[in-house]
Amino acid sequence: MGLRTGFWLGLAAFIVAADQLAKLAAVQYLAANKAVAVTPFFNLVLVYNSGAAFSILSDAAGWQRALFIAIAVVASVWIVYLLRQYPHQRLFALSLSLVLAGAVGNAIDRIVVGAVIDFLDFHALGYHWPAFNVADSSITCGAALLIWDAVRPRQKAEG
């Protein structure tokens, strides 16, 4: 494994640690509090999501847990492979690191707790965005950067 690959994996590990620490703090603090208003549009809440994004499949009989863990494992293996192949492509590698961190962070929750721990709740005019966490934010930012990397104009290589 090259130095650059190690950097990208280290970044992902740092984000996973931050995600898990934030979730631990949320569980410890929010278990005794129904919701904590931080601003007029942002609350801290404690939600256990057994489904995927937007609670998709959360009402399934439990089989979805193994499916989502398997998807996270396969995606993580593929991402590590890509990071090993393209560590010099900084935006691409950053994007992959963010997605990897989010996948691993949420997979840890599914394995240890049985559901993903969400605690960030944004709302306006009585409408709430589904609660999410640091791992979800990492996946979203990574996916957005992957799209940007795919569509941005490239400079032609000289030579």
N, C-alpha and C. Protein backbone atom coordinates (compact mmCIF):
# COMPACT_ATOMS: atom_id res chain seq x y z
N MET A 1 0.86 -1.18 0.00
CA MET A 1 0.00 0.00 0.00
C MET A 1 0.89 1.23 0.00
N GLY A 2 0.60 2.15 -0.90
CA GLY A 2 1.40 3.36 -1.01
C GLY A 2 1.06 4.39 0.05
N LEU A 3 1.93 5.37 0.14
CA LEU A 3 1.75 6.44 1.12
C LEU A 3 0.44 7.19 0.89
N ARG A 4 0.14 7.48 -0.37
CA ARG A 4 -1.10 8.20 -0.66
C ARG A 4 -2.34 7.38 -0.31
N THR A 5 -2.31 6.10 -0.63
CA THR A 5 -3.44 5.24 -0.28
C THR A 5 -3.63 5.23 1.23
N GLY A 6 -2.54 5.12 1.97
CA GLY A 6 -2.59 5.16 3.44
C GLY A 6 -3.20 6.45 3.95
N PHE A 7 -2.86 7.56 3.29
CA PHE A 7 -3.45 8.85 3.69
C PHE A 7 -4.96 8.81 3.54
N TRP A 8 -5.44 8.33 2.40
CA TRP A 8 -6.89 8.32 2.14
C TRP A 8 -7.62 7.36 3.08
N LEU A 9 -7.02 6.23 3.38
CA LEU A 9 -7.62 5.30 4.33
C LEU A 9 -7.57 5.88 5.75
N GLY A 10 -6.50 6.59 6.07
CA GLY A 10 -6.41 7.25 7.37
C GLY A 10 -7.47 8.33 7.53
N LEU A 11 -7.72 9.07 6.47
CA LEU A 11 -8.78 10.09 6.50
C LEU A 11 -10.12 9.42 6.75
N ALA A 12 -10.39 8.33 6.05
CA ALA A 12 -11.65 7.61 6.26
C ALA A 12 -11.75 7.12 7.70
N ALA A 13 -10.67 6.59 8.24
CA ALA A 13 -10.68 6.10 9.63
C ALA A 13 -10.94 7.24 10.61
N PHE A 14 -10.37 8.39 10.35
CA PHE A 14 -10.60 9.56 11.21
C PHE A 14 -12.08 9.94 11.20
N ILE A 15 -12.69 9.94 10.03
CA ILE A 15 -14.12 10.30 9.93
C ILE A 15 -14.98 9.24 10.60
N VAL A 16 -14.63 7.97 10.46
CA VAL A 16 -15.37 6.91 11.15
C VAL A 16 -15.29 7.13 12.66
N ALA A 17 -14.11 7.45 13.17
CA ALA A 17 -13.96 7.70 14.61
C ALA A 17 -14.80 8.88 15.05
N ALA A 18 -14.78 9.96 14.28
CA ALA A 18 -15.59 11.14 14.62
C ALA A 18 -17.08 10.79 14.61
N ASP A 19 -17.50 10.02 13.62
CA ASP A 19 -18.89 9.59 13.52
C ASP A 19 -19.29 8.78 14.75
N GLN A 20 -18.48 7.80 15.10
CA GLN A 20 -18.80 6.94 16.24
C GLN A 20 -18.79 7.70 17.56
N LEU A 21 -17.87 8.63 17.73
CA LEU A 21 -17.85 9.45 18.95
C LEU A 21 -19.08 10.35 19.03
N ALA A 22 -19.47 10.92 17.89
CA ALA A 22 -20.67 11.77 17.88
C ALA A 22 -21.90 10.95 18.21
N LYS A 23 -21.99 9.74 17.68
CA LYS A 23 -23.14 8.88 17.98
C LYS A 23 -23.15 8.45 19.44
N LEU A 24 -21.98 8.16 19.99
CA LEU A 24 -21.89 7.80 21.40
C LEU A 24 -22.36 8.96 22.28
N ALA A 25 -21.92 10.16 21.95
CA ALA A 25 -22.35 11.34 22.70
C ALA A 25 -23.86 11.54 22.57
N ALA A 26 -24.38 11.35 21.36
CA ALA A 26 -25.82 11.51 21.14
C ALA A 26 -26.61 10.52 21.97
N VAL A 27 -26.18 9.27 21.97
CA VAL A 27 -26.89 8.24 22.74
C VAL A 27 -26.85 8.57 24.23
N GLN A 28 -25.69 8.96 24.73
CA GLN A 28 -25.56 9.26 26.16
C GLN A 28 -26.36 10.50 26.56
N TYR A 29 -26.32 11.54 25.74
CA TYR A 29 -26.98 12.79 26.11
C TYR A 29 -28.46 12.81 25.77
N LEU A 30 -28.80 12.28 24.62
CA LEU A 30 -30.18 12.41 24.14
C LEU A 30 -31.11 11.32 24.64
N ALA A 31 -30.57 10.28 25.24
CA ALA A 31 -31.44 9.21 25.78
C ALA A 31 -32.37 9.76 26.84
N ALA A 32 -31.91 10.74 27.59
CA ALA A 32 -32.73 11.33 28.65
C ALA A 32 -33.55 12.52 28.17
N ASN A 33 -33.31 12.98 26.96
CA ASN A 33 -34.00 14.16 26.41
C ASN A 33 -34.71 13.79 25.11
N LYS A 34 -35.96 14.17 25.01
CA LYS A 34 -36.72 13.83 23.80
C LYS A 34 -36.13 14.51 22.57
N ALA A 35 -35.94 15.78 22.63
CA ALA A 35 -35.32 16.56 21.56
C ALA A 35 -34.73 17.81 22.19
N VAL A 36 -33.60 18.22 21.65
CA VAL A 36 -32.94 19.42 22.15
C VAL A 36 -32.91 20.43 21.02
N ALA A 37 -33.62 21.55 21.21
CA ALA A 37 -33.63 22.60 20.20
C ALA A 37 -32.30 23.36 20.27
N VAL A 38 -31.61 23.40 19.15
CA VAL A 38 -30.33 24.11 19.07
C VAL A 38 -30.54 25.47 18.44
N THR A 39 -31.30 25.52 17.37
CA THR A 39 -31.68 26.76 16.70
C THR A 39 -33.15 26.63 16.32
N PRO A 40 -33.76 27.68 15.78
CA PRO A 40 -35.15 27.56 15.36
C PRO A 40 -35.38 26.55 14.23
N PHE A 41 -34.32 26.09 13.58
CA PHE A 41 -34.46 25.15 12.47
C PHE A 41 -33.66 23.86 12.65
N PHE A 42 -33.06 23.67 13.82
CA PHE A 42 -32.19 22.51 14.04
C PHE A 42 -32.36 21.96 15.45
N ASN A 43 -32.62 20.66 15.52
CA ASN A 43 -32.73 19.96 16.80
C ASN A 43 -31.74 18.81 16.85
N LEU A 44 -31.41 18.39 18.05
CA LEU A 44 -30.73 17.13 18.27
C LEU A 44 -31.78 16.15 18.78
N VAL A 45 -31.87 15.00 18.15
CA VAL A 45 -32.83 13.97 18.52
C VAL A 45 -32.11 12.63 18.51
N LEU A 46 -32.72 11.63 19.06
CA LEU A 46 -32.14 10.29 19.02
C LEU A 46 -33.09 9.37 18.27
N VAL A 47 -32.64 8.89 17.11
CA VAL A 47 -33.46 8.04 16.26
C VAL A 47 -32.64 6.81 15.88
N TYR A 48 -33.25 5.64 15.98
CA TYR A 48 -32.63 4.41 15.53
C TYR A 48 -33.31 4.00 14.23
N ASN A 49 -32.57 4.05 13.15
CA ASN A 49 -33.12 3.79 11.82
C ASN A 49 -32.68 2.40 11.36
N SER A 50 -33.63 1.48 11.28
CA SER A 50 -33.31 0.13 10.82
C SER A 50 -33.36 0.03 9.29
N GLY A 51 -33.75 1.11 8.64
CA GLY A 51 -33.81 1.12 7.18
C GLY A 51 -32.61 1.82 6.58
N ALA A 52 -32.77 2.23 5.34
CA ALA A 52 -31.71 2.95 4.63
C ALA A 52 -32.05 4.43 4.64
N ALA A 53 -31.53 5.17 3.70
CA ALA A 53 -31.81 6.59 3.60
C ALA A 53 -33.31 6.84 3.58
N PHE A 54 -33.73 7.88 4.29
CA PHE A 54 -35.15 8.24 4.38
C PHE A 54 -35.99 7.10 4.97
N SER A 55 -35.37 6.25 5.76
CA SER A 55 -36.01 5.11 6.44
C SER A 55 -36.60 4.08 5.48
N ILE A 56 -36.06 4.02 4.26
CA ILE A 56 -36.51 3.03 3.29
C ILE A 56 -36.30 1.63 3.88
N LEU A 57 -37.29 0.81 3.82
CA LEU A 57 -37.30 -0.57 4.33
C LEU A 57 -37.22 -0.66 5.85
N SER A 58 -37.45 0.42 6.56
CA SER A 58 -37.37 0.36 8.03
C SER A 58 -38.47 -0.50 8.63
N ASP A 59 -39.54 -0.69 7.90
CA ASP A 59 -40.64 -1.51 8.43
C ASP A 59 -40.57 -2.96 7.96
N ALA A 60 -39.45 -3.34 7.32
CA ALA A 60 -39.26 -4.73 6.89
C ALA A 60 -39.03 -5.61 8.12
N ALA A 61 -39.06 -6.90 7.92
CA ALA A 61 -39.05 -7.85 9.03
C ALA A 61 -37.68 -8.08 9.68
N GLY A 62 -36.65 -7.41 9.23
CA GLY A 62 -35.33 -7.57 9.82
C GLY A 62 -34.28 -8.05 8.85
N TRP A 63 -34.69 -8.60 7.72
CA TRP A 63 -33.75 -9.08 6.71
C TRP A 63 -32.91 -7.96 6.12
N GLN A 64 -33.43 -6.72 6.19
CA GLN A 64 -32.75 -5.59 5.58
C GLN A 64 -31.42 -5.28 6.27
N ARG A 65 -31.30 -5.64 7.54
CA ARG A 65 -30.04 -5.39 8.27
C ARG A 65 -28.89 -6.11 7.60
N ALA A 66 -29.05 -7.40 7.32
CA ALA A 66 -28.00 -8.18 6.66
C ALA A 66 -27.73 -7.65 5.25
N LEU A 67 -28.79 -7.27 4.54
CA LEU A 67 -28.62 -6.73 3.20
C LEU A 67 -27.78 -5.45 3.22
N PHE A 68 -28.11 -4.52 4.13
CA PHE A 68 -27.38 -3.26 4.18
C PHE A 68 -25.95 -3.45 4.65
N ILE A 69 -25.71 -4.40 5.54
CA ILE A 69 -24.34 -4.71 5.96
C ILE A 69 -23.56 -5.27 4.78
N ALA A 70 -24.18 -6.19 4.04
CA ALA A 70 -23.52 -6.79 2.88
C ALA A 70 -23.19 -5.73 1.83
N ILE A 71 -24.12 -4.84 1.57
CA ILE A 71 -23.88 -3.76 0.60
C ILE A 71 -22.71 -2.90 1.07
N ALA A 72 -22.67 -2.57 2.35
CA ALA A 72 -21.58 -1.75 2.89
C ALA A 72 -20.24 -2.46 2.76
N VAL A 73 -20.21 -3.76 3.02
CA VAL A 73 -18.95 -4.51 2.92
C VAL A 73 -18.48 -4.57 1.47
N VAL A 74 -19.37 -4.91 0.55
CA VAL A 74 -18.99 -4.97 -0.86
C VAL A 74 -18.53 -3.60 -1.35
N ALA A 75 -19.27 -2.56 -1.02
CA ALA A 75 -18.89 -1.21 -1.44
C ALA A 75 -17.54 -0.82 -0.85
N SER A 76 -17.32 -1.16 0.41
CA SER A 76 -16.05 -0.81 1.06
C SER A 76 -14.87 -1.51 0.40
N VAL A 77 -15.03 -2.78 0.08
CA VAL A 77 -13.95 -3.52 -0.59
C VAL A 77 -13.67 -2.89 -1.96
N TRP A 78 -14.71 -2.56 -2.69
CA TRP A 78 -14.55 -1.94 -4.01
C TRP A 78 -13.87 -0.57 -3.87
N ILE A 79 -14.27 0.21 -2.90
CA ILE A 79 -13.68 1.54 -2.70
C ILE A 79 -12.20 1.43 -2.34
N VAL A 80 -11.85 0.50 -1.46
CA VAL A 80 -10.43 0.31 -1.11
C VAL A 80 -9.64 -0.09 -2.36
N TYR A 81 -10.20 -0.95 -3.17
CA TYR A 81 -9.53 -1.32 -4.43
C TYR A 81 -9.30 -0.07 -5.29
N LEU A 82 -10.33 0.75 -5.45
CA LEU A 82 -10.19 1.97 -6.26
C LEU A 82 -9.19 2.94 -5.65
N LEU A 83 -9.18 3.06 -4.33
CA LEU A 83 -8.20 3.94 -3.68
C LEU A 83 -6.78 3.46 -3.94
N ARG A 84 -6.59 2.16 -3.97
CA ARG A 84 -5.26 1.61 -4.25
C ARG A 84 -4.85 1.86 -5.70
N GLN A 85 -5.83 1.91 -6.60
CA GLN A 85 -5.54 2.12 -8.02
C GLN A 85 -5.32 3.59 -8.38
N TYR A 86 -6.03 4.49 -7.69
CA TYR A 86 -6.04 5.90 -8.08
C TYR A 86 -5.76 6.86 -6.92
N PRO A 87 -4.79 6.59 -6.08
CA PRO A 87 -4.57 7.47 -4.92
C PRO A 87 -4.06 8.86 -5.31
N HIS A 88 -3.51 8.98 -6.50
CA HIS A 88 -2.96 10.25 -6.97
C HIS A 88 -4.05 11.20 -7.50
N GLN A 89 -5.22 10.68 -7.79
CA GLN A 89 -6.33 11.54 -8.24
C GLN A 89 -7.04 12.08 -7.00
N ARG A 90 -6.62 13.25 -6.57
CA ARG A 90 -7.00 13.75 -5.24
C ARG A 90 -8.50 13.90 -5.04
N LEU A 91 -9.20 14.52 -5.96
CA LEU A 91 -10.64 14.72 -5.76
C LEU A 91 -11.38 13.38 -5.76
N PHE A 92 -11.01 12.50 -6.66
CA PHE A 92 -11.61 11.18 -6.73
C PHE A 92 -11.34 10.40 -5.45
N ALA A 93 -10.09 10.42 -4.98
CA ALA A 93 -9.72 9.69 -3.76
C ALA A 93 -10.39 10.30 -2.53
N LEU A 94 -10.49 11.63 -2.47
CA LEU A 94 -11.20 12.26 -1.36
C LEU A 94 -12.65 11.83 -1.35
N SER A 95 -13.28 11.83 -2.51
CA SER A 95 -14.68 11.41 -2.63
C SER A 95 -14.86 9.99 -2.13
N LEU A 96 -14.00 9.10 -2.60
CA LEU A 96 -14.07 7.70 -2.18
C LEU A 96 -13.86 7.54 -0.69
N SER A 97 -12.93 8.31 -0.13
CA SER A 97 -12.67 8.24 1.31
C SER A 97 -13.90 8.64 2.12
N LEU A 98 -14.59 9.67 1.67
CA LEU A 98 -15.79 10.12 2.36
C LEU A 98 -16.90 9.07 2.29
N VAL A 99 -17.10 8.49 1.12
CA VAL A 99 -18.13 7.45 0.98
C VAL A 99 -17.76 6.23 1.81
N LEU A 100 -16.49 5.85 1.78
CA LEU A 100 -16.03 4.71 2.57
C LEU A 100 -16.28 4.94 4.06
N ALA A 101 -15.93 6.11 4.55
CA ALA A 101 -16.12 6.41 5.97
C ALA A 101 -17.59 6.31 6.36
N GLY A 102 -18.47 6.85 5.54
CA GLY A 102 -19.90 6.78 5.84
C GLY A 102 -20.43 5.36 5.82
N ALA A 103 -20.00 4.59 4.84
CA ALA A 103 -20.46 3.20 4.75
C ALA A 103 -19.99 2.40 5.96
N VAL A 104 -18.75 2.58 6.35
CA VAL A 104 -18.21 1.85 7.50
C VAL A 104 -18.88 2.32 8.79
N GLY A 105 -19.04 3.62 8.96
CA GLY A 105 -19.67 4.16 10.17
C GLY A 105 -21.07 3.62 10.39
N ASN A 106 -21.87 3.60 9.32
CA ASN A 106 -23.23 3.10 9.46
C ASN A 106 -23.26 1.57 9.58
N ALA A 107 -22.31 0.88 8.93
CA ALA A 107 -22.25 -0.57 9.07
C ALA A 107 -21.91 -0.96 10.51
N ILE A 108 -21.03 -0.21 11.14
CA ILE A 108 -20.71 -0.48 12.55
C ILE A 108 -21.98 -0.40 13.40
N ASP A 109 -22.78 0.62 13.18
CA ASP A 109 -24.05 0.75 13.92
C ASP A 109 -24.94 -0.46 13.69
N ARG A 110 -25.09 -0.86 12.43
CA ARG A 110 -25.97 -1.99 12.12
C ARG A 110 -25.48 -3.27 12.79
N ILE A 111 -24.16 -3.47 12.83
CA ILE A 111 -23.60 -4.67 13.43
C ILE A 111 -23.72 -4.63 14.95
N VAL A 112 -23.38 -3.50 15.56
CA VAL A 112 -23.33 -3.40 17.03
C VAL A 112 -24.69 -3.12 17.65
N VAL A 113 -25.45 -2.21 17.06
CA VAL A 113 -26.71 -1.75 17.65
C VAL A 113 -27.92 -2.40 16.98
N GLY A 114 -27.78 -2.76 15.72
CA GLY A 114 -28.90 -3.33 14.98
C GLY A 114 -29.63 -2.30 14.13
N ALA A 115 -29.24 -1.05 14.25
CA ALA A 115 -29.84 0.03 13.48
C ALA A 115 -28.84 1.18 13.45
N VAL A 116 -29.04 2.10 12.51
CA VAL A 116 -28.17 3.27 12.41
C VAL A 116 -28.66 4.34 13.39
N ILE A 117 -27.72 4.92 14.11
CA ILE A 117 -28.04 5.97 15.08
C ILE A 117 -28.01 7.31 14.35
N ASP A 118 -29.15 7.98 14.30
CA ASP A 118 -29.27 9.31 13.70
C ASP A 118 -29.60 10.31 14.80
N PHE A 119 -29.13 11.55 14.63
CA PHE A 119 -29.37 12.53 15.69
C PHE A 119 -29.46 13.97 15.22
N LEU A 120 -29.21 14.25 13.96
CA LEU A 120 -29.28 15.61 13.43
C LEU A 120 -30.63 15.81 12.76
N ASP A 121 -31.39 16.80 13.21
CA ASP A 121 -32.76 17.01 12.75
C ASP A 121 -32.94 18.46 12.29
N PHE A 122 -32.99 18.67 10.98
CA PHE A 122 -33.26 20.00 10.43
C PHE A 122 -34.72 20.09 10.05
N HIS A 123 -35.32 21.27 10.26
CA HIS A 123 -36.75 21.43 9.99
C HIS A 123 -37.07 22.87 9.65
N ALA A 124 -38.19 23.04 8.95
CA ALA A 124 -38.68 24.38 8.62
C ALA A 124 -40.17 24.28 8.33
N LEU A 125 -40.92 25.25 8.82
CA LEU A 125 -42.35 25.37 8.56
C LEU A 125 -43.11 24.08 8.90
N GLY A 126 -42.69 23.41 9.94
CA GLY A 126 -43.35 22.19 10.38
C GLY A 126 -42.92 20.93 9.65
N TYR A 127 -42.04 21.05 8.68
CA TYR A 127 -41.54 19.90 7.93
C TYR A 127 -40.14 19.55 8.41
N HIS A 128 -39.91 18.27 8.64
CA HIS A 128 -38.61 17.81 9.12
C HIS A 128 -37.92 16.99 8.04
N TRP A 129 -36.64 17.29 7.80
CA TRP A 129 -35.81 16.43 6.98
C TRP A 129 -35.55 15.18 7.82
N PRO A 130 -35.49 14.01 7.22
CA PRO A 130 -35.21 12.82 8.05
C PRO A 130 -33.91 13.00 8.83
N ALA A 131 -33.92 12.57 10.08
CA ALA A 131 -32.73 12.69 10.92
C ALA A 131 -31.57 11.94 10.27
N PHE A 132 -30.37 12.47 10.47
CA PHE A 132 -29.18 11.85 9.87
C PHE A 132 -28.01 11.99 10.82
N ASN A 133 -26.82 11.60 10.37
CA ASN A 133 -25.65 11.59 11.23
C ASN A 133 -24.41 11.98 10.44
N VAL A 134 -23.25 11.92 11.08
CA VAL A 134 -21.99 12.29 10.43
C VAL A 134 -21.69 11.37 9.26
N ALA A 135 -21.92 10.07 9.42
CA ALA A 135 -21.66 9.11 8.33
C ALA A 135 -22.52 9.43 7.11
N ASP A 136 -23.79 9.74 7.34
CA ASP A 136 -24.68 10.10 6.23
C ASP A 136 -24.17 11.35 5.52
N SER A 137 -23.71 12.33 6.30
CA SER A 137 -23.16 13.56 5.71
C SER A 137 -21.92 13.26 4.89
N SER A 138 -21.09 12.36 5.38
CA SER A 138 -19.88 11.97 4.68
C SER A 138 -20.21 11.31 3.35
N ILE A 139 -21.18 10.40 3.35
CA ILE A 139 -21.61 9.74 2.11
C ILE A 139 -22.15 10.77 1.13
N THR A 140 -22.98 11.68 1.60
CA THR A 140 -23.58 12.69 0.73
C THR A 140 -22.53 13.59 0.11
N CYS A 141 -21.61 14.07 0.93
CA CYS A 141 -20.53 14.94 0.42
C CYS A 141 -19.65 14.17 -0.55
N GLY A 142 -19.32 12.93 -0.22
CA GLY A 142 -18.50 12.12 -1.11
C GLY A 142 -19.18 11.87 -2.44
N ALA A 143 -20.47 11.56 -2.41
CA ALA A 143 -21.22 11.32 -3.64
C ALA A 143 -21.28 12.59 -4.50
N ALA A 144 -21.50 13.73 -3.85
CA ALA A 144 -21.54 15.00 -4.59
C ALA A 144 -20.18 15.29 -5.24
N LEU A 145 -19.11 15.03 -4.51
CA LEU A 145 -17.77 15.24 -5.07
C LEU A 145 -17.47 14.25 -6.19
N LEU A 146 -17.96 13.02 -6.08
CA LEU A 146 -17.79 12.05 -7.17
C LEU A 146 -18.47 12.54 -8.45
N ILE A 147 -19.67 13.08 -8.29
CA ILE A 147 -20.39 13.62 -9.45
C ILE A 147 -19.62 14.80 -10.03
N TRP A 148 -19.17 15.68 -9.16
CA TRP A 148 -18.39 16.85 -9.63
C TRP A 148 -17.14 16.37 -10.36
N ASP A 149 -16.45 15.39 -9.80
CA ASP A 149 -15.24 14.88 -10.43
C ASP A 149 -15.54 14.28 -11.81
N ALA A 150 -16.69 13.66 -11.95
CA ALA A 150 -17.06 13.03 -13.22
C ALA A 150 -17.43 14.04 -14.30
N VAL A 151 -18.01 15.17 -13.91
CA VAL A 151 -18.51 16.12 -14.92
C VAL A 151 -17.63 17.34 -15.12
N ARG A 152 -16.66 17.55 -14.26
CA ARG A 152 -15.85 18.76 -14.39
C ARG A 152 -14.95 18.67 -15.61
N PRO A 153 -14.66 19.81 -16.20
CA PRO A 153 -13.75 19.81 -17.35
C PRO A 153 -12.35 19.37 -16.94
N ARG A 154 -11.71 18.61 -17.76
CA ARG A 154 -10.34 18.12 -17.50
C ARG A 154 -9.35 18.91 -18.35
N GLN A 155 -8.20 19.18 -17.76
CA GLN A 155 -7.13 19.77 -18.55
C GLN A 155 -6.46 18.66 -19.34
N LYS A 156 -6.16 18.94 -20.58
CA LYS A 156 -5.48 17.93 -21.40
C LYS A 156 -4.06 17.73 -20.90
N ALA A 157 -3.68 16.50 -20.85
CA ALA A 157 -2.31 16.18 -20.41
C ALA A 157 -1.33 16.68 -21.45
N GLU A 158 -0.28 17.32 -20.97
CA GLU A 158 0.74 17.80 -21.89
C GLU A 158 1.66 16.65 -22.25
N GLY A 159 2.18 16.69 -23.47
CA GLY A 159 3.15 15.68 -23.75
C GLY A 159 3.10 15.21 -25.09
